[in-house]
Each structure stands twice: as structure tokens, then as C-alpha cells.
């Protein structure tokens, strides 16, 4: 069995994210790079799963012994699980970015309400 190393396709959106990585502090760069690589992989996986669901449908027939019934397509199930983790990783990457001036300024009314 041979394994081929397929180069991941990097979307335009992920290229924009890659440009934002330079704003992340140097000490957090290894973490950011690791998250970025996982996001690229997950985005490619999500695209593949999405195409599969679009072509085969959201449900599939499942046969177990004599019984046959409809169930959620396994690709849809994998897509739903992956998209949740993709969103979490994306948030982690965004959280590594330094706070903007707008985020650093506090609102006295909100501070009072939160207290």
C-alpha cells in the first residue's frame, strides 16, 4: 500500500487568515501555526463532506439484517462534528490576536452593569 501526500488546497479565506498570523505575538506563533494547519485540513475535509452530502443527500438507506430504514448520512454526521470543531479552532486562533483599541476601551456603563 502506498500513501500519496496530497497538498492541501488553501482557499482565499484561509490566505487572508494566514496574513493575520503576522499580527500574533512571536511567543504564540507556534500555537497559531498549528491551529492554522488544522484549519486548512478541516476546511478541505468540510468541502469534501459537503460535496458528498449535496450529491448523495442528507439521509441514506441503512440495511441491518432484514430491516431497512433511513438515517442521517454518515458524511452529514461527520460534517456536523467537524464544523463544530472548526469553529472552536477558529475562535482559538482569533483569541491569539492582540486586542484592538476598540476592545481595550471599556464602557463605564457596561462595567457598572457587570459589577
C-alpha atoms as a PDB file:
ATOM      1  CA  UNK A   1       0.000   0.000   0.000  1.00  0.00           C
ATOM      2  CA  UNK A   2       1.392   3.363  -0.981  1.00  0.00           C
ATOM      3  CA  UNK A   3       0.459   6.644   0.565  1.00  0.00           C
ATOM      4  CA  UNK A   4       0.387   9.758  -1.519  1.00  0.00           C
ATOM      5  CA  UNK A   5       0.841  13.060   0.166  1.00  0.00           C
ATOM      6  CA  UNK A   6      -1.785  15.342  -1.298  1.00  0.00           C
ATOM      7  CA  UNK A   7      -1.034  19.028  -0.976  1.00  0.00           C
ATOM      8  CA  UNK A   8      -3.922  20.784   0.802  1.00  0.00           C
ATOM      9  CA  UNK A   9      -5.869  23.369  -1.142  1.00  0.00           C
ATOM     10  CA  UNK A  10      -5.708  26.741   0.598  1.00  0.00           C
ATOM     11  CA  UNK A  11      -8.802  28.855  -0.009  1.00  0.00           C
ATOM     12  CA  UNK A  12      -8.822  32.616  -0.451  1.00  0.00           C
ATOM     13  CA  UNK A  13     -10.308  32.988   3.034  1.00  0.00           C
ATOM     14  CA  UNK A  14      -7.527  30.937   4.579  1.00  0.00           C
ATOM     15  CA  UNK A  15      -4.922  33.031   2.729  1.00  0.00           C
ATOM     16  CA  UNK A  16      -6.426  36.085   4.410  1.00  0.00           C
ATOM     17  CA  UNK A  17      -6.212  34.316   7.773  1.00  0.00           C
ATOM     18  CA  UNK A  18      -2.562  33.467   7.038  1.00  0.00           C
ATOM     19  CA  UNK A  19      -1.844  37.193   6.594  1.00  0.00           C
ATOM     20  CA  UNK A  20      -3.368  37.870  10.025  1.00  0.00           C
ATOM     21  CA  UNK A  21      -0.967  35.424  11.652  1.00  0.00           C
ATOM     22  CA  UNK A  22       1.825  38.006  11.441  1.00  0.00           C
ATOM     23  CA  UNK A  23      -0.103  40.105  13.989  1.00  0.00           C
ATOM     24  CA  UNK A  24       0.084  37.347  16.587  1.00  0.00           C
ATOM     25  CA  UNK A  25       2.904  37.800  19.133  1.00  0.00           C
ATOM     26  CA  UNK A  26       6.075  35.812  18.456  1.00  0.00           C
ATOM     27  CA  UNK A  27       5.720  33.639  21.567  1.00  0.00           C
ATOM     28  CA  UNK A  28       2.303  32.425  20.349  1.00  0.00           C
ATOM     29  CA  UNK A  29       3.345  31.794  16.743  1.00  0.00           C
ATOM     30  CA  UNK A  30       3.913  28.017  17.096  1.00  0.00           C
ATOM     31  CA  UNK A  31       0.406  27.623  18.513  1.00  0.00           C
ATOM     32  CA  UNK A  32      -1.077  29.829  15.795  1.00  0.00           C
ATOM     33  CA  UNK A  33       0.715  27.948  13.016  1.00  0.00           C
ATOM     34  CA  UNK A  34      -0.501  24.603  14.356  1.00  0.00           C
ATOM     35  CA  UNK A  35      -4.076  25.830  14.564  1.00  0.00           C
ATOM     36  CA  UNK A  36      -3.826  27.309  11.064  1.00  0.00           C
ATOM     37  CA  UNK A  37      -2.632  24.000   9.587  1.00  0.00           C
ATOM     38  CA  UNK A  38      -5.504  22.154  11.258  1.00  0.00           C
ATOM     39  CA  UNK A  39      -7.993  24.743   9.972  1.00  0.00           C
ATOM     40  CA  UNK A  40      -6.757  24.271   6.396  1.00  0.00           C
ATOM     41  CA  UNK A  41      -7.102  20.500   6.736  1.00  0.00           C
ATOM     42  CA  UNK A  42     -10.539  20.797   8.276  1.00  0.00           C
ATOM     43  CA  UNK A  43     -11.711  23.236   5.612  1.00  0.00           C
ATOM     44  CA  UNK A  44     -10.694  20.773   2.878  1.00  0.00           C
ATOM     45  CA  UNK A  45     -12.409  17.946   4.730  1.00  0.00           C
ATOM     46  CA  UNK A  46     -15.562  20.021   5.186  1.00  0.00           C
ATOM     47  CA  UNK A  47     -15.638  20.831   1.477  1.00  0.00           C
ATOM     48  CA  UNK A  48     -15.331  17.141   0.574  1.00  0.00           C
ATOM     49  CA  UNK A  49     -18.064  16.149   3.039  1.00  0.00           C
ATOM     50  CA  UNK A  50     -20.326  18.943   1.839  1.00  0.00           C
ATOM     51  CA  UNK A  51     -19.984  17.832  -1.789  1.00  0.00           C
ATOM     52  CA  UNK A  52     -20.766  14.257  -0.760  1.00  0.00           C
ATOM     53  CA  UNK A  53     -23.923  15.301   1.107  1.00  0.00           C
ATOM     54  CA  UNK A  54     -25.026  17.530  -1.761  1.00  0.00           C
ATOM     55  CA  UNK A  55     -24.639  14.710  -4.289  1.00  0.00           C
ATOM     56  CA  UNK A  56     -25.992  11.832  -2.165  1.00  0.00           C
ATOM     57  CA  UNK A  57     -28.489  13.641   0.062  1.00  0.00           C
ATOM     58  CA  UNK A  58     -28.782  14.264   3.786  1.00  0.00           C
ATOM     59  CA  UNK A  59     -30.248  10.829   4.520  1.00  0.00           C
ATOM     60  CA  UNK A  60     -29.298   7.362   3.336  1.00  0.00           C
ATOM     61  CA  UNK A  61     -30.832   3.915   3.459  1.00  0.00           C
ATOM     62  CA  UNK A  62     -29.351   1.683   6.103  1.00  0.00           C
ATOM     63  CA  UNK A  63     -29.818  -2.066   5.983  1.00  0.00           C
ATOM     64  CA  UNK A  64     -29.342  -4.226   9.012  1.00  0.00           C
ATOM     65  CA  UNK A  65     -30.407  -7.801   8.538  1.00  0.00           C
ATOM     66  CA  UNK A  66     -33.933  -7.708   7.130  1.00  0.00           C
ATOM     67  CA  UNK A  67     -34.618  -4.179   8.268  1.00  0.00           C
ATOM     68  CA  UNK A  68     -34.080  -1.135   6.106  1.00  0.00           C
ATOM     69  CA  UNK A  69     -34.535   2.411   7.290  1.00  0.00           C
ATOM     70  CA  UNK A  70     -33.468   5.966   6.573  1.00  0.00           C
ATOM     71  CA  UNK A  71     -30.767   7.529   8.687  1.00  0.00           C
ATOM     72  CA  UNK A  72     -28.650  10.628   8.688  1.00  0.00           C
ATOM     73  CA  UNK A  73     -25.975  10.293   6.031  1.00  0.00           C
ATOM     74  CA  UNK A  74     -22.618   9.453   7.662  1.00  0.00           C
ATOM     75  CA  UNK A  75     -20.983  12.313   5.712  1.00  0.00           C
ATOM     76  CA  UNK A  76     -23.504  14.756   7.188  1.00  0.00           C
ATOM     77  CA  UNK A  77     -22.814  13.449  10.668  1.00  0.00           C
ATOM     78  CA  UNK A  78     -19.059  13.880  10.121  1.00  0.00           C
ATOM     79  CA  UNK A  79     -19.637  17.349   8.630  1.00  0.00           C
ATOM     80  CA  UNK A  80     -21.640  18.485  11.657  1.00  0.00           C
ATOM     81  CA  UNK A  81     -18.994  17.254  14.100  1.00  0.00           C
ATOM     82  CA  UNK A  82     -16.146  18.749  12.084  1.00  0.00           C
ATOM     83  CA  UNK A  83     -17.796  22.157  11.620  1.00  0.00           C
ATOM     84  CA  UNK A  84     -18.191  22.487  15.395  1.00  0.00           C
ATOM     85  CA  UNK A  85     -14.526  21.762  15.986  1.00  0.00           C
ATOM     86  CA  UNK A  86     -13.555  24.033  13.088  1.00  0.00           C
ATOM     87  CA  UNK A  87     -15.474  26.889  14.711  1.00  0.00           C
ATOM     88  CA  UNK A  88     -13.777  26.266  18.066  1.00  0.00           C
ATOM     89  CA  UNK A  89     -10.321  26.229  16.493  1.00  0.00           C
ATOM     90  CA  UNK A  90     -11.097  29.381  14.523  1.00  0.00           C
ATOM     91  CA  UNK A  91     -12.123  31.128  17.761  1.00  0.00           C
ATOM     92  CA  UNK A  92      -8.906  29.966  19.450  1.00  0.00           C
ATOM     93  CA  UNK A  93      -6.883  31.447  16.609  1.00  0.00           C
ATOM     94  CA  UNK A  94      -8.772  34.751  16.776  1.00  0.00           C
ATOM     95  CA  UNK A  95      -8.239  34.849  20.543  1.00  0.00           C
ATOM     96  CA  UNK A  96      -4.467  34.722  19.953  1.00  0.00           C
ATOM     97  CA  UNK A  97      -4.630  38.035  18.080  1.00  0.00           C
ATOM     98  CA  UNK A  98      -3.805  41.119  20.141  1.00  0.00           C
ATOM     99  CA  UNK A  99      -6.767  43.147  21.342  1.00  0.00           C
ATOM    100  CA  UNK A 100      -7.672  46.139  19.190  1.00  0.00           C
ATOM    101  CA  UNK A 101      -8.005  49.651  20.596  1.00  0.00           C
ATOM    102  CA  UNK A 102     -11.792  49.381  20.422  1.00  0.00           C
ATOM    103  CA  UNK A 103     -11.731  46.204  22.504  1.00  0.00           C
ATOM    104  CA  UNK A 104      -9.362  47.680  25.087  1.00  0.00           C
ATOM    105  CA  UNK A 105     -11.501  50.731  25.838  1.00  0.00           C
ATOM    106  CA  UNK A 106     -14.077  49.933  28.448  1.00  0.00           C
ATOM    107  CA  UNK A 107     -17.564  51.311  28.622  1.00  0.00           C
ATOM    108  CA  UNK A 108     -18.212  52.745  32.133  1.00  0.00           C
ATOM    109  CA  UNK A 109     -21.903  51.863  31.938  1.00  0.00           C
ATOM    110  CA  UNK A 110     -21.153  48.237  30.964  1.00  0.00           C
ATOM    111  CA  UNK A 111     -18.504  47.995  33.686  1.00  0.00           C
ATOM    112  CA  UNK A 112     -21.084  49.206  36.228  1.00  0.00           C
ATOM    113  CA  UNK A 113     -23.718  46.749  34.978  1.00  0.00           C
ATOM    114  CA  UNK A 114     -21.274  43.828  35.086  1.00  0.00           C
ATOM    115  CA  UNK A 115     -20.183  44.712  38.636  1.00  0.00           C
END
